[in-house]
Amino acid sequence: MKNQNYILKVTDAKKAEIKKALSDAGIKVRSIAEIYSEDITEEKGRGEDAEKEDKG
């Protein structure tokens, strides 16, 4: 057996929910650490789409 580290990106999930889902799949979780978080709004998403259309 060996220890492995992964990065997991999620939307609208809590650490407890992630741990439960992985445990239910038979994956032993040693730890979960949040390394970055940002609030996403619809307005920000629309602005990025418009910028992409302008660049063609």
PDB file of N, CA and C in Angstrom:
ATOM      1  N   MET A   1       0.849  -1.171   0.000  1.00  0.00           N
ATOM      2  CA  MET A   1       0.000   0.000   0.000  1.00  0.00           C
ATOM      3  C   MET A   1       0.896   1.237   0.000  1.00  0.00           C
ATOM      4  N   LYS A   2       0.438   2.302  -0.628  1.00  0.00           N
ATOM      5  CA  LYS A   2       1.180   3.556  -0.631  1.00  0.00           C
ATOM      6  C   LYS A   2       0.227   4.721  -0.438  1.00  0.00           C
ATOM      7  N   ASN A   3       0.743   5.816   0.072  1.00  0.00           N
ATOM      8  CA  ASN A   3      -0.042   7.036   0.222  1.00  0.00           C
ATOM      9  C   ASN A   3       0.003   7.804  -1.083  1.00  0.00           C
ATOM     10  N   GLN A   4      -1.156   8.346  -1.496  1.00  0.00           N
ATOM     11  CA  GLN A   4      -1.240   9.129  -2.721  1.00  0.00           C
ATOM     12  C   GLN A   4      -1.959  10.431  -2.423  1.00  0.00           C
ATOM     13  N   ASN A   5      -1.599  11.496  -3.158  1.00  0.00           N
ATOM     14  CA  ASN A   5      -2.244  12.801  -3.016  1.00  0.00           C
ATOM     15  C   ASN A   5      -2.869  13.187  -4.349  1.00  0.00           C
ATOM     16  N   TYR A   6      -4.082  13.733  -4.286  1.00  0.00           N
ATOM     17  CA  TYR A   6      -4.806  14.184  -5.476  1.00  0.00           C
ATOM     18  C   TYR A   6      -5.357  15.581  -5.227  1.00  0.00           C
ATOM     19  N   ILE A   7      -5.604  16.307  -6.293  1.00  0.00           N
ATOM     20  CA  ILE A   7      -6.302  17.584  -6.222  1.00  0.00           C
ATOM     21  C   ILE A   7      -7.678  17.362  -6.828  1.00  0.00           C
ATOM     22  N   LEU A   8      -8.690  17.801  -6.120  1.00  0.00           N
ATOM     23  CA  LEU A   8     -10.069  17.625  -6.546  1.00  0.00           C
ATOM     24  C   LEU A   8     -10.739  18.991  -6.584  1.00  0.00           C
ATOM     25  N   LYS A   9     -11.315  19.361  -7.709  1.00  0.00           N
ATOM     26  CA  LYS A   9     -12.027  20.637  -7.822  1.00  0.00           C
ATOM     27  C   LYS A   9     -13.521  20.340  -7.831  1.00  0.00           C
ATOM     28  N   VAL A  10     -14.267  21.025  -6.960  1.00  0.00           N
ATOM     29  CA  VAL A  10     -15.706  20.786  -6.847  1.00  0.00           C
ATOM     30  C   VAL A  10     -16.461  22.105  -6.848  1.00  0.00           C
ATOM     31  N   THR A  11     -17.755  22.017  -7.128  1.00  0.00           N
ATOM     32  CA  THR A  11     -18.649  23.163  -7.051  1.00  0.00           C
ATOM     33  C   THR A  11     -19.753  22.828  -6.060  1.00  0.00           C
ATOM     34  N   ASP A  12     -19.976  23.710  -5.106  1.00  0.00           N
ATOM     35  CA  ASP A  12     -21.046  23.559  -4.118  1.00  0.00           C
ATOM     36  C   ASP A  12     -20.999  22.229  -3.375  1.00  0.00           C
ATOM     37  N   ALA A  13     -19.861  21.890  -2.807  1.00  0.00           N
ATOM     38  CA  ALA A  13     -19.742  20.687  -1.987  1.00  0.00           C
ATOM     39  C   ALA A  13     -19.005  21.024  -0.703  1.00  0.00           C
ATOM     40  N   LYS A  14     -19.361  20.316   0.349  1.00  0.00           N
ATOM     41  CA  LYS A  14     -18.691  20.493   1.628  1.00  0.00           C
ATOM     42  C   LYS A  14     -17.728  19.336   1.842  1.00  0.00           C
ATOM     43  N   LYS A  15     -16.712  19.569   2.686  1.00  0.00           N
ATOM     44  CA  LYS A  15     -15.706  18.538   2.934  1.00  0.00           C
ATOM     45  C   LYS A  15     -16.345  17.239   3.420  1.00  0.00           C
ATOM     46  N   ALA A  16     -17.328  17.334   4.297  1.00  0.00           N
ATOM     47  CA  ALA A  16     -17.980  16.134   4.826  1.00  0.00           C
ATOM     48  C   ALA A  16     -18.684  15.352   3.718  1.00  0.00           C
ATOM     49  N   GLU A  17     -19.300  16.064   2.769  1.00  0.00           N
ATOM     50  CA  GLU A  17     -19.978  15.400   1.645  1.00  0.00           C
ATOM     51  C   GLU A  17     -18.977  14.698   0.736  1.00  0.00           C
ATOM     52  N   ILE A  18     -17.842  15.332   0.511  1.00  0.00           N
ATOM     53  CA  ILE A  18     -16.806  14.743  -0.333  1.00  0.00           C
ATOM     54  C   ILE A  18     -16.263  13.479   0.322  1.00  0.00           C
ATOM     55  N   LYS A  19     -15.961  13.582   1.629  1.00  0.00           N
ATOM     56  CA  LYS A  19     -15.429  12.427   2.352  1.00  0.00           C
ATOM     57  C   LYS A  19     -16.417  11.273   2.333  1.00  0.00           C
ATOM     58  N   LYS A  20     -17.711  11.553   2.538  1.00  0.00           N
ATOM     59  CA  LYS A  20     -18.728  10.502   2.535  1.00  0.00           C
ATOM     60  C   LYS A  20     -18.827   9.843   1.162  1.00  0.00           C
ATOM     61  N   ALA A  21     -18.815  10.636   0.107  1.00  0.00           N
ATOM     62  CA  ALA A  21     -18.919  10.082  -1.246  1.00  0.00           C
ATOM     63  C   ALA A  21     -17.731   9.177  -1.562  1.00  0.00           C
ATOM     64  N   LEU A  22     -16.542   9.620  -1.190  1.00  0.00           N
ATOM     65  CA  LEU A  22     -15.356   8.801  -1.442  1.00  0.00           C
ATOM     66  C   LEU A  22     -15.362   7.538  -0.573  1.00  0.00           C
ATOM     67  N   SER A  23     -15.750   7.682   0.672  1.00  0.00           N
ATOM     68  CA  SER A  23     -15.827   6.521   1.561  1.00  0.00           C
ATOM     69  C   SER A  23     -16.855   5.513   1.066  1.00  0.00           C
ATOM     70  N   ASP A  24     -17.991   6.001   0.584  1.00  0.00           N
ATOM     71  CA  ASP A  24     -19.031   5.115   0.034  1.00  0.00           C
ATOM     72  C   ASP A  24     -18.525   4.355  -1.188  1.00  0.00           C
ATOM     73  N   ALA A  25     -17.556   4.930  -1.902  1.00  0.00           N
ATOM     74  CA  ALA A  25     -16.972   4.282  -3.075  1.00  0.00           C
ATOM     75  C   ALA A  25     -15.815   3.356  -2.695  1.00  0.00           C
ATOM     76  N   GLY A  26     -15.565   3.232  -1.392  1.00  0.00           N
ATOM     77  CA  GLY A  26     -14.510   2.340  -0.940  1.00  0.00           C
ATOM     78  C   GLY A  26     -13.126   2.963  -0.923  1.00  0.00           C
ATOM     79  N   ILE A  27     -13.067   4.291  -0.950  1.00  0.00           N
ATOM     80  CA  ILE A  27     -11.793   5.001  -0.956  1.00  0.00           C
ATOM     81  C   ILE A  27     -11.538   5.541   0.447  1.00  0.00           C
ATOM     82  N   LYS A  28     -10.407   5.153   1.036  1.00  0.00           N
ATOM     83  CA  LYS A  28     -10.055   5.616   2.376  1.00  0.00           C
ATOM     84  C   LYS A  28      -9.479   7.025   2.269  1.00  0.00           C
ATOM     85  N   VAL A  29     -10.085   7.970   2.982  1.00  0.00           N
ATOM     86  CA  VAL A  29      -9.657   9.371   2.949  1.00  0.00           C
ATOM     87  C   VAL A  29      -8.815   9.653   4.191  1.00  0.00           C
ATOM     88  N   ARG A  30      -7.562  10.073   3.984  1.00  0.00           N
ATOM     89  CA  ARG A  30      -6.688  10.426   5.106  1.00  0.00           C
ATOM     90  C   ARG A  30      -6.949  11.849   5.570  1.00  0.00           C
ATOM     91  N   SER A  31      -7.128  12.782   4.645  1.00  0.00           N
ATOM     92  CA  SER A  31      -7.409  14.164   5.016  1.00  0.00           C
ATOM     93  C   SER A  31      -7.951  14.910   3.805  1.00  0.00           C
ATOM     94  N   ILE A  32      -8.667  15.990   4.094  1.00  0.00           N
ATOM     95  CA  ILE A  32      -9.158  16.898   3.055  1.00  0.00           C
ATOM     96  C   ILE A  32      -8.795  18.306   3.502  1.00  0.00           C
ATOM     97  N   ALA A  33      -8.135  19.067   2.637  1.00  0.00           N
ATOM     98  CA  ALA A  33      -7.738  20.435   2.957  1.00  0.00           C
ATOM     99  C   ALA A  33      -8.219  21.367   1.855  1.00  0.00           C
ATOM    100  N   GLU A  34      -8.916  22.423   2.233  1.00  0.00           N
ATOM    101  CA  GLU A  34      -9.348  23.426   1.265  1.00  0.00           C
ATOM    102  C   GLU A  34      -8.177  24.358   0.997  1.00  0.00           C
ATOM    103  N   ILE A  35      -7.781  24.484  -0.269  1.00  0.00           N
ATOM    104  CA  ILE A  35      -6.632  25.322  -0.591  1.00  0.00           C
ATOM    105  C   ILE A  35      -7.017  26.634  -1.273  1.00  0.00           C
ATOM    106  N   TYR A  36      -8.220  26.700  -1.827  1.00  0.00           N
ATOM    107  CA  TYR A  36      -8.652  27.918  -2.515  1.00  0.00           C
ATOM    108  C   TYR A  36     -10.165  27.909  -2.628  1.00  0.00           C
ATOM    109  N   SER A  37     -10.765  29.067  -2.482  1.00  0.00           N
ATOM    110  CA  SER A  37     -12.214  29.188  -2.598  1.00  0.00           C
ATOM    111  C   SER A  37     -12.541  30.549  -3.197  1.00  0.00           C
ATOM    112  N   GLU A  38     -13.538  30.583  -4.071  1.00  0.00           N
ATOM    113  CA  GLU A  38     -13.988  31.854  -4.629  1.00  0.00           C
ATOM    114  C   GLU A  38     -15.490  31.805  -4.837  1.00  0.00           C
ATOM    115  N   ASP A  39     -16.141  32.959  -4.695  1.00  0.00           N
ATOM    116  CA  ASP A  39     -17.567  33.072  -4.947  1.00  0.00           C
ATOM    117  C   ASP A  39     -17.770  33.317  -6.428  1.00  0.00           C
ATOM    118  N   ILE A  40     -18.659  32.561  -7.036  1.00  0.00           N
ATOM    119  CA  ILE A  40     -18.950  32.700  -8.457  1.00  0.00           C
ATOM    120  C   ILE A  40     -20.372  33.235  -8.599  1.00  0.00           C
ATOM    121  N   THR A  41     -20.529  34.308  -9.372  1.00  0.00           N
ATOM    122  CA  THR A  41     -21.850  34.881  -9.612  1.00  0.00           C
ATOM    123  C   THR A  41     -22.180  34.769 -11.092  1.00  0.00           C
ATOM    124  N   GLU A  42     -23.456  34.850 -11.396  1.00  0.00           N
ATOM    125  CA  GLU A  42     -23.877  34.787 -12.801  1.00  0.00           C
ATOM    126  C   GLU A  42     -23.309  35.949 -13.599  1.00  0.00           C
ATOM    127  N   GLU A  43     -23.244  37.121 -12.996  1.00  0.00           N
ATOM    128  CA  GLU A  43     -22.742  38.300 -13.702  1.00  0.00           C
ATOM    129  C   GLU A  43     -21.304  38.090 -14.157  1.00  0.00           C
ATOM    130  N   LYS A  44     -20.476  37.511 -13.309  1.00  0.00           N
ATOM    131  CA  LYS A  44     -19.087  37.263 -13.677  1.00  0.00           C
ATOM    132  C   LYS A  44     -19.030  36.305 -14.863  1.00  0.00           C
ATOM    133  N   GLY A  45     -19.838  35.259 -14.834  1.00  0.00           N
ATOM    134  CA  GLY A  45     -19.857  34.287 -15.918  1.00  0.00           C
ATOM    135  C   GLY A  45     -20.266  34.912 -17.240  1.00  0.00           C
ATOM    136  N   ARG A  46     -21.261  35.795 -17.221  1.00  0.00           N
ATOM    137  CA  ARG A  46     -21.712  36.458 -18.444  1.00  0.00           C
ATOM    138  C   ARG A  46     -20.628  37.362 -19.009  1.00  0.00           C
ATOM    139  N   GLY A  47     -19.901  38.060 -18.151  1.00  0.00           N
ATOM    140  CA  GLY A  47     -18.835  38.948 -18.594  1.00  0.00           C
ATOM    141  C   GLY A  47     -17.720  38.190 -19.286  1.00  0.00           C
ATOM    142  N   GLU A  48     -17.383  37.020 -18.771  1.00  0.00           N
ATOM    143  CA  GLU A  48     -16.332  36.215 -19.388  1.00  0.00           C
ATOM    144  C   GLU A  48     -16.778  35.702 -20.749  1.00  0.00           C
ATOM    145  N   ASP A  49     -18.054  35.307 -20.887  1.00  0.00           N
ATOM    146  CA  ASP A  49     -18.564  34.832 -22.175  1.00  0.00           C
ATOM    147  C   ASP A  49     -18.533  35.952 -23.211  1.00  0.00           C
ATOM    148  N   ALA A  50     -18.923  37.155 -22.805  1.00  0.00           N
ATOM    149  CA  ALA A  50     -18.926  38.288 -23.729  1.00  0.00           C
ATOM    150  C   ALA A  50     -17.502  38.610 -24.180  1.00  0.00           C
ATOM    151  N   GLU A  51     -16.550  38.498 -23.258  1.00  0.00           N
ATOM    152  CA  GLU A  51     -15.155  38.779 -23.594  1.00  0.00           C
ATOM    153  C   GLU A  51     -14.634  37.771 -24.612  1.00  0.00           C
ATOM    154  N   LYS A  52     -15.016  36.511 -24.468  1.00  0.00           N
ATOM    155  CA  LYS A  52     -14.585  35.477 -25.402  1.00  0.00           C
ATOM    156  C   LYS A  52     -15.156  35.754 -26.804  1.00  0.00           C
ATOM    157  N   GLU A  53     -16.426  36.203 -26.873  1.00  0.00           N
ATOM    158  CA  GLU A  53     -17.057  36.488 -28.158  1.00  0.00           C
ATOM    159  C   GLU A  53     -16.360  37.661 -28.841  1.00  0.00           C
ATOM    160  N   ASP A  54     -15.942  38.674 -28.084  1.00  0.00           N
ATOM    161  CA  ASP A  54     -15.262  39.830 -28.662  1.00  0.00           C
ATOM    162  C   ASP A  54     -13.925  39.441 -29.274  1.00  0.00           C
ATOM    163  N   LYS A  55     -13.227  38.490 -28.652  1.00  0.00           N
ATOM    164  CA  LYS A  55     -11.915  38.077 -29.157  1.00  0.00           C
ATOM    165  C   LYS A  55     -12.041  37.189 -30.384  1.00  0.00           C
ATOM    166  N   GLY A  56     -13.244  36.633 -30.571  1.00  0.00           N
ATOM    167  CA  GLY A  56     -13.527  35.856 -31.770  1.00  0.00           C
ATOM    168  C   GLY A  56     -12.885  34.546 -31.774  1.00  0.00           C
TER     169      GLY A  56
END
